[in-house]
Amino acid sequence: MNLPLVIGALLVSILLLWWLMSVIKASFKTAFLIVAVIFTVQVLTGVGPQQIFEQISKWTTAFFTNLGQWFQSWGGRVKVDPKLESDPKKQSLIWMLYIAQIMLSA
């Protein structure tokens, strides 16, 4: 066998294994954090996980519904101050706040 090829393959496999373990570790940390938050909310308020996920589902449905409506009427109702036309960051922030306002009012 070709020794440099074997050494290179071992190094690549060790690096891939190390990367995979990092991804799995981060995934578990995130999962445990979500479980801890839901458990804390349940203990402190008596709200169960089903109610939390129902509310999240309602928010995401309302967000995407209102986002679609906003894209359909883009430029019709929302007028940006002409002073802000040169600053796309401020303009985007105004549009995002408008979407959030519609989403929260639903």
PDB file of N, CA and C in Angstrom:
ATOM      1  N   MET A   1       0.842  -1.188   0.000  1.00  0.00           N
ATOM      2  CA  MET A   1       0.000   0.000   0.000  1.00  0.00           C
ATOM      3  C   MET A   1       0.880   1.241   0.000  1.00  0.00           C
ATOM      4  N   ASN A   2       0.269   2.293  -0.434  1.00  0.00           N
ATOM      5  CA  ASN A   2       0.968   3.568  -0.493  1.00  0.00           C
ATOM      6  C   ASN A   2       0.804   4.273   0.855  1.00  0.00           C
ATOM      7  N   LEU A   3       1.886   4.404   1.600  1.00  0.00           N
ATOM      8  CA  LEU A   3       1.842   4.943   2.954  1.00  0.00           C
ATOM      9  C   LEU A   3       1.330   6.383   3.018  1.00  0.00           C
ATOM     10  N   PRO A   4       1.750   7.308   2.152  1.00  0.00           N
ATOM     11  CA  PRO A   4       1.204   8.673   2.230  1.00  0.00           C
ATOM     12  C   PRO A   4      -0.304   8.728   1.980  1.00  0.00           C
ATOM     13  N   LEU A   5      -0.789   7.852   1.109  1.00  0.00           N
ATOM     14  CA  LEU A   5      -2.223   7.811   0.836  1.00  0.00           C
ATOM     15  C   LEU A   5      -3.005   7.343   2.067  1.00  0.00           C
ATOM     16  N   VAL A   6      -2.492   6.351   2.753  1.00  0.00           N
ATOM     17  CA  VAL A   6      -3.143   5.841   3.958  1.00  0.00           C
ATOM     18  C   VAL A   6      -3.125   6.905   5.054  1.00  0.00           C
ATOM     19  N   ILE A   7      -2.004   7.578   5.229  1.00  0.00           N
ATOM     20  CA  ILE A   7      -1.901   8.633   6.245  1.00  0.00           C
ATOM     21  C   ILE A   7      -2.865   9.772   5.921  1.00  0.00           C
ATOM     22  N   GLY A   8      -2.929  10.164   4.659  1.00  0.00           N
ATOM     23  CA  GLY A   8      -3.864  11.217   4.248  1.00  0.00           C
ATOM     24  C   GLY A   8      -5.308  10.814   4.485  1.00  0.00           C
ATOM     25  N   ALA A   9      -5.635   9.564   4.163  1.00  0.00           N
ATOM     26  CA  ALA A   9      -7.005   9.080   4.379  1.00  0.00           C
ATOM     27  C   ALA A   9      -7.344   9.054   5.866  1.00  0.00           C
ATOM     28  N   LEU A  10      -6.406   8.644   6.694  1.00  0.00           N
ATOM     29  CA  LEU A  10      -6.635   8.648   8.140  1.00  0.00           C
ATOM     30  C   LEU A  10      -6.838  10.064   8.668  1.00  0.00           C
ATOM     31  N   LEU A  11      -6.035  11.005   8.208  1.00  0.00           N
ATOM     32  CA  LEU A  11      -6.188  12.396   8.646  1.00  0.00           C
ATOM     33  C   LEU A  11      -7.545  12.959   8.237  1.00  0.00           C
ATOM     34  N   VAL A  12      -7.947  12.687   7.005  1.00  0.00           N
ATOM     35  CA  VAL A  12      -9.243  13.180   6.538  1.00  0.00           C
ATOM     36  C   VAL A  12     -10.372  12.542   7.341  1.00  0.00           C
ATOM     37  N   SER A  13     -10.280  11.244   7.595  1.00  0.00           N
ATOM     38  CA  SER A  13     -11.344  10.587   8.361  1.00  0.00           C
ATOM     39  C   SER A  13     -11.382  11.088   9.802  1.00  0.00           C
ATOM     40  N   ILE A  14     -10.232  11.366  10.404  1.00  0.00           N
ATOM     41  CA  ILE A  14     -10.209  11.921  11.764  1.00  0.00           C
ATOM     42  C   ILE A  14     -10.812  13.315  11.780  1.00  0.00           C
ATOM     43  N   LEU A  15     -10.494  14.140  10.796  1.00  0.00           N
ATOM     44  CA  LEU A  15     -11.072  15.487  10.725  1.00  0.00           C
ATOM     45  C   LEU A  15     -12.581  15.433  10.516  1.00  0.00           C
ATOM     46  N   LEU A  16     -13.043  14.533   9.663  1.00  0.00           N
ATOM     47  CA  LEU A  16     -14.485  14.392   9.448  1.00  0.00           C
ATOM     48  C   LEU A  16     -15.191  13.897  10.705  1.00  0.00           C
ATOM     49  N   LEU A  17     -14.567  12.954  11.411  1.00  0.00           N
ATOM     50  CA  LEU A  17     -15.154  12.462  12.652  1.00  0.00           C
ATOM     51  C   LEU A  17     -15.217  13.578  13.693  1.00  0.00           C
ATOM     52  N   TRP A  18     -14.159  14.386  13.771  1.00  0.00           N
ATOM     53  CA  TRP A  18     -14.128  15.497  14.720  1.00  0.00           C
ATOM     54  C   TRP A  18     -15.217  16.518  14.379  1.00  0.00           C
ATOM     55  N   TRP A  19     -15.391  16.815  13.092  1.00  0.00           N
ATOM     56  CA  TRP A  19     -16.435  17.751  12.665  1.00  0.00           C
ATOM     57  C   TRP A  19     -17.818  17.181  12.987  1.00  0.00           C
ATOM     58  N   LEU A  20     -18.012  15.884  12.716  1.00  0.00           N
ATOM     59  CA  LEU A  20     -19.301  15.251  12.997  1.00  0.00           C
ATOM     60  C   LEU A  20     -19.619  15.294  14.485  1.00  0.00           C
ATOM     61  N   MET A  21     -18.642  15.033  15.319  1.00  0.00           N
ATOM     62  CA  MET A  21     -18.863  15.091  16.766  1.00  0.00           C
ATOM     63  C   MET A  21     -19.204  16.515  17.206  1.00  0.00           C
ATOM     64  N   SER A  22     -18.590  17.515  16.599  1.00  0.00           N
ATOM     65  CA  SER A  22     -18.911  18.908  16.933  1.00  0.00           C
ATOM     66  C   SER A  22     -20.351  19.240  16.559  1.00  0.00           C
ATOM     67  N   VAL A  23     -20.786  18.774  15.402  1.00  0.00           N
ATOM     68  CA  VAL A  23     -22.160  19.023  14.962  1.00  0.00           C
ATOM     69  C   VAL A  23     -23.152  18.322  15.886  1.00  0.00           C
ATOM     70  N   ILE A  24     -22.868  17.078  16.234  1.00  0.00           N
ATOM     71  CA  ILE A  24     -23.763  16.336  17.130  1.00  0.00           C
ATOM     72  C   ILE A  24     -23.812  17.003  18.502  1.00  0.00           C
ATOM     73  N   LYS A  25     -22.666  17.443  18.991  1.00  0.00           N
ATOM     74  CA  LYS A  25     -22.611  18.116  20.295  1.00  0.00           C
ATOM     75  C   LYS A  25     -23.446  19.394  20.279  1.00  0.00           C
ATOM     76  N   ALA A  26     -23.319  20.181  19.223  1.00  0.00           N
ATOM     77  CA  ALA A  26     -24.105  21.415  19.116  1.00  0.00           C
ATOM     78  C   ALA A  26     -25.596  21.105  19.006  1.00  0.00           C
ATOM     79  N   SER A  27     -25.944  20.052  18.285  1.00  0.00           N
ATOM     80  CA  SER A  27     -27.352  19.669  18.151  1.00  0.00           C
ATOM     81  C   SER A  27     -27.942  19.260  19.492  1.00  0.00           C
ATOM     82  N   PHE A  28     -27.194  18.485  20.256  1.00  0.00           N
ATOM     83  CA  PHE A  28     -27.681  18.082  21.572  1.00  0.00           C
ATOM     84  C   PHE A  28     -27.804  19.271  22.512  1.00  0.00           C
ATOM     85  N   LYS A  29     -26.854  20.192  22.456  1.00  0.00           N
ATOM     86  CA  LYS A  29     -26.943  21.388  23.305  1.00  0.00           C
ATOM     87  C   LYS A  29     -28.212  22.173  22.980  1.00  0.00           C
ATOM     88  N   THR A  30     -28.488  22.329  21.688  1.00  0.00           N
ATOM     89  CA  THR A  30     -29.688  23.058  21.279  1.00  0.00           C
ATOM     90  C   THR A  30     -30.949  22.326  21.721  1.00  0.00           C
ATOM     91  N   ALA A  31     -30.972  21.018  21.531  1.00  0.00           N
ATOM     92  CA  ALA A  31     -32.149  20.238  21.931  1.00  0.00           C
ATOM     93  C   ALA A  31     -32.374  20.327  23.435  1.00  0.00           C
ATOM     94  N   PHE A  32     -31.326  20.205  24.214  1.00  0.00           N
ATOM     95  CA  PHE A  32     -31.472  20.297  25.670  1.00  0.00           C
ATOM     96  C   PHE A  32     -31.893  21.691  26.103  1.00  0.00           C
ATOM     97  N   LEU A  33     -31.422  22.711  25.415  1.00  0.00           N
ATOM     98  CA  LEU A  33     -31.830  24.080  25.740  1.00  0.00           C
ATOM     99  C   LEU A  33     -33.325  24.268  25.478  1.00  0.00           C
ATOM    100  N   ILE A  34     -33.810  23.748  24.360  1.00  0.00           N
ATOM    101  CA  ILE A  34     -35.240  23.852  24.050  1.00  0.00           C
ATOM    102  C   ILE A  34     -36.065  23.102  25.093  1.00  0.00           C
ATOM    103  N   VAL A  35     -35.612  21.911  25.464  1.00  0.00           N
ATOM    104  CA  VAL A  35     -36.326  21.139  26.488  1.00  0.00           C
ATOM    105  C   VAL A  35     -36.333  21.890  27.813  1.00  0.00           C
ATOM    106  N   ALA A  36     -35.202  22.495  28.183  1.00  0.00           N
ATOM    107  CA  ALA A  36     -35.129  23.236  29.445  1.00  0.00           C
ATOM    108  C   ALA A  36     -36.070  24.433  29.443  1.00  0.00           C
ATOM    109  N   VAL A  37     -36.135  25.150  28.321  1.00  0.00           N
ATOM    110  CA  VAL A  37     -37.025  26.311  28.237  1.00  0.00           C
ATOM    111  C   VAL A  37     -38.480  25.869  28.341  1.00  0.00           C
ATOM    112  N   ILE A  38     -38.852  24.830  27.611  1.00  0.00           N
ATOM    113  CA  ILE A  38     -40.239  24.356  27.647  1.00  0.00           C
ATOM    114  C   ILE A  38     -40.597  23.845  29.041  1.00  0.00           C
ATOM    115  N   PHE A  39     -39.681  23.114  29.667  1.00  0.00           N
ATOM    116  CA  PHE A  39     -39.947  22.608  31.014  1.00  0.00           C
ATOM    117  C   PHE A  39     -40.095  23.755  32.008  1.00  0.00           C
ATOM    118  N   THR A  40     -39.239  24.771  31.896  1.00  0.00           N
ATOM    119  CA  THR A  40     -39.326  25.926  32.794  1.00  0.00           C
ATOM    120  C   THR A  40     -40.652  26.653  32.615  1.00  0.00           C
ATOM    121  N   VAL A  41     -41.055  26.855  31.377  1.00  0.00           N
ATOM    122  CA  VAL A  41     -42.337  27.518  31.122  1.00  0.00           C
ATOM    123  C   VAL A  41     -43.484  26.680  31.677  1.00  0.00           C
ATOM    124  N   GLN A  42     -43.390  25.374  31.511  1.00  0.00           N
ATOM    125  CA  GLN A  42     -44.450  24.492  32.002  1.00  0.00           C
ATOM    126  C   GLN A  42     -44.530  24.534  33.524  1.00  0.00           C
ATOM    127  N   VAL A  43     -43.400  24.513  34.202  1.00  0.00           N
ATOM    128  CA  VAL A  43     -43.401  24.519  35.666  1.00  0.00           C
ATOM    129  C   VAL A  43     -43.873  25.862  36.206  1.00  0.00           C
ATOM    130  N   LEU A  44     -43.394  26.961  35.612  1.00  0.00           N
ATOM    131  CA  LEU A  44     -43.721  28.283  36.142  1.00  0.00           C
ATOM    132  C   LEU A  44     -45.135  28.738  35.809  1.00  0.00           C
ATOM    133  N   THR A  45     -45.645  28.358  34.644  1.00  0.00           N
ATOM    134  CA  THR A  45     -46.947  28.877  34.224  1.00  0.00           C
ATOM    135  C   THR A  45     -48.025  27.810  34.092  1.00  0.00           C
ATOM    136  N   GLY A  46     -47.643  26.558  34.029  1.00  0.00           N
ATOM    137  CA  GLY A  46     -48.627  25.502  33.846  1.00  0.00           C
ATOM    138  C   GLY A  46     -49.006  25.288  32.392  1.00  0.00           C
ATOM    139  N   VAL A  47     -48.311  25.945  31.483  1.00  0.00           N
ATOM    140  CA  VAL A  47     -48.571  25.791  30.053  1.00  0.00           C
ATOM    141  C   VAL A  47     -47.806  24.567  29.567  1.00  0.00           C
ATOM    142  N   GLY A  48     -48.494  23.681  28.865  1.00  0.00           N
ATOM    143  CA  GLY A  48     -47.868  22.455  28.391  1.00  0.00           C
ATOM    144  C   GLY A  48     -47.173  22.628  27.051  1.00  0.00           C
ATOM    145  N   PRO A  49     -46.355  21.640  26.667  1.00  0.00           N
ATOM    146  CA  PRO A  49     -45.635  21.710  25.398  1.00  0.00           C
ATOM    147  C   PRO A  49     -46.568  21.795  24.191  1.00  0.00           C
ATOM    148  N   GLN A  50     -47.729  21.120  24.262  1.00  0.00           N
ATOM    149  CA  GLN A  50     -48.660  21.164  23.137  1.00  0.00           C
ATOM    150  C   GLN A  50     -49.154  22.586  22.905  1.00  0.00           C
ATOM    151  N   GLN A  51     -49.449  23.291  23.980  1.00  0.00           N
ATOM    152  CA  GLN A  51     -49.930  24.670  23.846  1.00  0.00           C
ATOM    153  C   GLN A  51     -48.835  25.578  23.289  1.00  0.00           C
ATOM    154  N   ILE A  52     -47.593  25.344  23.716  1.00  0.00           N
ATOM    155  CA  ILE A  52     -46.478  26.153  23.209  1.00  0.00           C
ATOM    156  C   ILE A  52     -46.315  25.926  21.714  1.00  0.00           C
ATOM    157  N   PHE A  53     -46.307  24.648  21.295  1.00  0.00           N
ATOM    158  CA  PHE A  53     -46.117  24.363  19.875  1.00  0.00           C
ATOM    159  C   PHE A  53     -47.318  24.792  19.036  1.00  0.00           C
ATOM    160  N   GLU A  54     -48.519  24.766  19.610  1.00  0.00           N
ATOM    161  CA  GLU A  54     -49.686  25.299  18.897  1.00  0.00           C
ATOM    162  C   GLU A  54     -49.506  26.790  18.634  1.00  0.00           C
ATOM    163  N   GLN A  55     -49.036  27.522  19.651  1.00  0.00           N
ATOM    164  CA  GLN A  55     -48.839  28.962  19.482  1.00  0.00           C
ATOM    165  C   GLN A  55     -47.745  29.247  18.462  1.00  0.00           C
ATOM    166  N   ILE A  56     -46.647  28.491  18.512  1.00  0.00           N
ATOM    167  CA  ILE A  56     -45.577  28.668  17.529  1.00  0.00           C
ATOM    168  C   ILE A  56     -46.104  28.368  16.133  1.00  0.00           C
ATOM    169  N   SER A  57     -46.926  27.332  16.010  1.00  0.00           N
ATOM    170  CA  SER A  57     -47.518  26.994  14.716  1.00  0.00           C
ATOM    171  C   SER A  57     -48.413  28.119  14.209  1.00  0.00           C
ATOM    172  N   LYS A  58     -49.206  28.712  15.106  1.00  0.00           N
ATOM    173  CA  LYS A  58     -50.058  29.839  14.708  1.00  0.00           C
ATOM    174  C   LYS A  58     -49.212  31.018  14.246  1.00  0.00           C
ATOM    175  N   TRP A  59     -48.130  31.308  14.981  1.00  0.00           N
ATOM    176  CA  TRP A  59     -47.270  32.434  14.608  1.00  0.00           C
ATOM    177  C   TRP A  59     -46.620  32.219  13.246  1.00  0.00           C
ATOM    178  N   THR A  60     -46.106  30.994  13.007  1.00  0.00           N
ATOM    179  CA  THR A  60     -45.452  30.756  11.723  1.00  0.00           C
ATOM    180  C   THR A  60     -46.458  30.791  10.582  1.00  0.00           C
ATOM    181  N   THR A  61     -47.650  30.238  10.803  1.00  0.00           N
ATOM    182  CA  THR A  61     -48.684  30.285   9.767  1.00  0.00           C
ATOM    183  C   THR A  61     -49.075  31.725   9.470  1.00  0.00           C
ATOM    184  N   ALA A  62     -49.283  32.510  10.527  1.00  0.00           N
ATOM    185  CA  ALA A  62     -49.648  33.915  10.333  1.00  0.00           C
ATOM    186  C   ALA A  62     -48.517  34.670   9.653  1.00  0.00           C
ATOM    187  N   PHE A  63     -47.282  34.365  10.025  1.00  0.00           N
ATOM    188  CA  PHE A  63     -46.143  35.063   9.426  1.00  0.00           C
ATOM    189  C   PHE A  63     -46.079  34.813   7.930  1.00  0.00           C
ATOM    190  N   PHE A  64     -46.143  33.543   7.526  1.00  0.00           N
ATOM    191  CA  PHE A  64     -46.015  33.245   6.104  1.00  0.00           C
ATOM    192  C   PHE A  64     -47.240  33.689   5.314  1.00  0.00           C
ATOM    193  N   THR A  65     -48.419  33.644   5.920  1.00  0.00           N
ATOM    194  CA  THR A  65     -49.618  34.147   5.246  1.00  0.00           C
ATOM    195  C   THR A  65     -49.503  35.645   5.023  1.00  0.00           C
ATOM    196  N   ASN A  66     -49.141  36.362   6.076  1.00  0.00           N
ATOM    197  CA  ASN A  66     -49.021  37.814   5.957  1.00  0.00           C
ATOM    198  C   ASN A  66     -47.841  38.220   5.095  1.00  0.00           C
ATOM    199  N   LEU A  67     -46.792  37.416   5.096  1.00  0.00           N
ATOM    200  CA  LEU A  67     -45.656  37.714   4.232  1.00  0.00           C
ATOM    201  C   LEU A  67     -46.070  37.599   2.767  1.00  0.00           C
ATOM    202  N   GLY A  68     -46.862  36.570   2.454  1.00  0.00           N
ATOM    203  CA  GLY A  68     -47.355  36.427   1.082  1.00  0.00           C
ATOM    204  C   GLY A  68     -48.256  37.575   0.683  1.00  0.00           C
ATOM    205  N   GLN A  69     -49.144  37.985   1.594  1.00  0.00           N
ATOM    206  CA  GLN A  69     -50.013  39.125   1.305  1.00  0.00           C
ATOM    207  C   GLN A  69     -49.188  40.397   1.139  1.00  0.00           C
ATOM    208  N   TRP A  70     -48.152  40.528   1.941  1.00  0.00           N
ATOM    209  CA  TRP A  70     -47.312  41.718   1.849  1.00  0.00           C
ATOM    210  C   TRP A  70     -46.587  41.762   0.505  1.00  0.00           C
ATOM    211  N   PHE A  71     -46.089  40.602   0.038  1.00  0.00           N
ATOM    212  CA  PHE A  71     -45.424  40.572  -1.256  1.00  0.00           C
ATOM    213  C   PHE A  71     -46.400  40.889  -2.389  1.00  0.00           C
ATOM    214  N   GLN A  72     -47.662  40.457  -2.232  1.00  0.00           N
ATOM    215  CA  GLN A  72     -48.644  40.736  -3.275  1.00  0.00           C
ATOM    216  C   GLN A  72     -48.962  42.223  -3.356  1.00  0.00           C
ATOM    217  N   SER A  73     -48.989  42.889  -2.214  1.00  0.00           N
ATOM    218  CA  SER A  73     -49.319  44.315  -2.219  1.00  0.00           C
ATOM    219  C   SER A  73     -48.081  45.185  -2.033  1.00  0.00           C
ATOM    220  N   TRP A  74     -46.934  44.673  -2.392  1.00  0.00           N
ATOM    221  CA  TRP A  74     -45.674  45.375  -2.183  1.00  0.00           C
ATOM    222  C   TRP A  74     -45.680  46.704  -2.936  1.00  0.00           C
ATOM    223  N   GLY A  75     -45.489  47.751  -2.229  1.00  0.00           N
ATOM    224  CA  GLY A  75     -45.465  49.068  -2.843  1.00  0.00           C
ATOM    225  C   GLY A  75     -46.822  49.726  -2.903  1.00  0.00           C
ATOM    226  N   GLY A  76     -47.884  49.012  -2.565  1.00  0.00           N
ATOM    227  CA  GLY A  76     -49.214  49.583  -2.627  1.00  0.00           C
ATOM    228  C   GLY A  76     -49.581  50.383  -1.402  1.00  0.00           C
ATOM    229  N   ARG A  77     -49.476  49.749  -0.235  1.00  0.00           N
ATOM    230  CA  ARG A  77     -49.913  50.408   0.996  1.00  0.00           C
ATOM    231  C   ARG A  77     -48.760  51.013   1.781  1.00  0.00           C
ATOM    232  N   VAL A  78     -47.655  50.313   1.819  1.00  0.00           N
ATOM    233  CA  VAL A  78     -46.538  50.770   2.643  1.00  0.00           C
ATOM    234  C   VAL A  78     -45.693  51.738   1.834  1.00  0.00           C
ATOM    235  N   LYS A  79     -45.636  52.942   2.298  1.00  0.00           N
ATOM    236  CA  LYS A  79     -44.804  53.937   1.636  1.00  0.00           C
ATOM    237  C   LYS A  79     -43.648  54.279   2.560  1.00  0.00           C
ATOM    238  N   VAL A  80     -42.481  54.241   2.024  1.00  0.00           N
ATOM    239  CA  VAL A  80     -41.290  54.548   2.803  1.00  0.00           C
ATOM    240  C   VAL A  80     -40.971  56.022   2.642  1.00  0.00           C
ATOM    241  N   ASP A  81     -40.534  56.603   3.720  1.00  0.00           N
ATOM    242  CA  ASP A  81     -40.147  58.006   3.711  1.00  0.00           C
ATOM    243  C   ASP A  81     -39.053  58.214   2.664  1.00  0.00           C
ATOM    244  N   PRO A  82     -39.185  59.205   1.785  1.00  0.00           N
ATOM    245  CA  PRO A  82     -38.174  59.420   0.741  1.00  0.00           C
ATOM    246  C   PRO A  82     -36.772  59.631   1.302  1.00  0.00           C
ATOM    247  N   LYS A  83     -36.678  60.120   2.542  1.00  0.00           N
ATOM    248  CA  LYS A  83     -35.354  60.313   3.136  1.00  0.00           C
ATOM    249  C   LYS A  83     -34.662  58.973   3.371  1.00  0.00           C
ATOM    250  N   LEU A  84     -35.451  57.916   3.545  1.00  0.00           N
ATOM    251  CA  LEU A  84     -34.880  56.608   3.844  1.00  0.00           C
ATOM    252  C   LEU A  84     -34.583  55.788   2.594  1.00  0.00           C
ATOM    253  N   GLU A  85     -34.967  56.270   1.443  1.00  0.00           N
ATOM    254  CA  GLU A  85     -34.768  55.506   0.212  1.00  0.00           C
ATOM    255  C   GLU A  85     -33.300  55.207  -0.035  1.00  0.00           C
ATOM    256  N   SER A  86     -32.416  56.082   0.436  1.00  0.00           N
ATOM    257  CA  SER A  86     -30.997  55.865   0.202  1.00  0.00           C
ATOM    258  C   SER A  86     -30.394  54.901   1.223  1.00  0.00           C
ATOM    259  N   ASP A  87     -31.132  54.565   2.272  1.00  0.00           N
ATOM    260  CA  ASP A  87     -30.615  53.669   3.305  1.00  0.00           C
ATOM    261  C   ASP A  87     -31.430  52.373   3.311  1.00  0.00           C
ATOM    262  N   PRO A  88     -30.959  51.343   2.621  1.00  0.00           N
ATOM    263  CA  PRO A  88     -31.734  50.102   2.530  1.00  0.00           C
ATOM    264  C   PRO A  88     -31.899  49.387   3.869  1.00  0.00           C
ATOM    265  N   LYS A  89     -30.963  49.584   4.809  1.00  0.00           N
ATOM    266  CA  LYS A  89     -31.093  48.920   6.111  1.00  0.00           C
ATOM    267  C   LYS A  89     -32.290  49.470   6.873  1.00  0.00           C
ATOM    268  N   LYS A  90     -32.444  50.780   6.885  1.00  0.00           N
ATOM    269  CA  LYS A  90     -33.583  51.385   7.576  1.00  0.00           C
ATOM    270  C   LYS A  90     -34.890  51.019   6.874  1.00  0.00           C
ATOM    271  N   GLN A  91     -34.849  50.989   5.556  1.00  0.00           N
ATOM    272  CA  GLN A  91     -36.034  50.638   4.786  1.00  0.00           C
ATOM    273  C   GLN A  91     -36.444  49.188   5.079  1.00  0.00           C
ATOM    274  N   SER A  92     -35.483  48.282   5.137  1.00  0.00           N
ATOM    275  CA  SER A  92     -35.780  46.885   5.451  1.00  0.00           C
ATOM    276  C   SER A  92     -36.321  46.744   6.860  1.00  0.00           C
ATOM    277  N   LEU A  93     -35.770  47.522   7.797  1.00  0.00           N
ATOM    278  CA  LEU A  93     -36.256  47.476   9.171  1.00  0.00           C
ATOM    279  C   LEU A  93     -37.707  47.927   9.250  1.00  0.00           C
ATOM    280  N   ILE A  94     -38.062  48.966   8.516  1.00  0.00           N
ATOM    281  CA  ILE A  94     -39.448  49.441   8.507  1.00  0.00           C
ATOM    282  C   ILE A  94     -40.365  48.363   7.946  1.00  0.00           C
ATOM    283  N   TRP A  95     -39.954  47.709   6.871  1.00  0.00           N
ATOM    284  CA  TRP A  95     -40.773  46.650   6.291  1.00  0.00           C
ATOM    285  C   TRP A  95     -40.919  45.477   7.259  1.00  0.00           C
ATOM    286  N   MET A  96     -39.832  45.110   7.948  1.00  0.00           N
ATOM    287  CA  MET A  96     -39.911  44.008   8.905  1.00  0.00           C
ATOM    288  C   MET A  96     -40.835  44.354  10.065  1.00  0.00           C
ATOM    289  N   LEU A  97     -40.776  45.587  10.538  1.00  0.00           N
ATOM    290  CA  LEU A  97     -41.665  46.005  11.616  1.00  0.00           C
ATOM    291  C   LEU A  97     -43.117  46.006  11.151  1.00  0.00           C
ATOM    292  N   TYR A  98     -43.340  46.374   9.901  1.00  0.00           N
ATOM    293  CA  TYR A  98     -44.690  46.346   9.349  1.00  0.00           C
ATOM    294  C   TYR A  98     -45.225  44.915   9.317  1.00  0.00           C
ATOM    295  N   ILE A  99     -44.383  43.970   8.890  1.00  0.00           N
ATOM    296  CA  ILE A  99     -44.791  42.563   8.856  1.00  0.00           C
ATOM    297  C   ILE A  99     -45.069  42.064  10.267  1.00  0.00           C
ATOM    298  N   ALA A 100     -44.213  42.433  11.226  1.00  0.00           N
ATOM    299  CA  ALA A 100     -44.419  42.009  12.616  1.00  0.00           C
ATOM    300  C   ALA A 100     -45.720  42.578  13.170  1.00  0.00           C
ATOM    301  N   GLN A 101     -46.031  43.821  12.810  1.00  0.00           N
ATOM    302  CA  GLN A 101     -47.272  44.439  13.276  1.00  0.00           C
ATOM    303  C   GLN A 101     -48.475  43.670  12.741  1.00  0.00           C
ATOM    304  N   ILE A 102     -48.441  43.313  11.477  1.00  0.00           N
ATOM    305  CA  ILE A 102     -49.544  42.557  10.885  1.00  0.00           C
ATOM    306  C   ILE A 102     -49.638  41.176  11.524  1.00  0.00           C
ATOM    307  N   MET A 103     -48.479  40.547  11.758  1.00  0.00           N
ATOM    308  CA  MET A 103     -48.467  39.214  12.333  1.00  0.00           C
ATOM    309  C   MET A 103     -49.023  39.220  13.755  1.00  0.00           C
ATOM    310  N   LEU A 104     -48.683  40.216  14.541  1.00  0.00           N
ATOM    311  CA  LEU A 104     -49.159  40.272  15.918  1.00  0.00           C
ATOM    312  C   LEU A 104     -50.627  40.669  16.004  1.00  0.00           C
ATOM    313  N   SER A 105     -51.119  41.376  14.996  1.00  0.00           N
ATOM    314  CA  SER A 105     -52.523  41.778  15.034  1.00  0.00           C
ATOM    315  C   SER A 105     -53.446  40.657  14.560  1.00  0.00           C
ATOM    316  N   ALA A 106     -52.878  39.599  13.977  1.00  0.00           N
ATOM    317  CA  ALA A 106     -53.694  38.476  13.472  1.00  0.00           C
ATOM    318  C   ALA A 106     -54.163  37.594  14.597  1.00  0.00           C
TER     319      ALA A 106
END
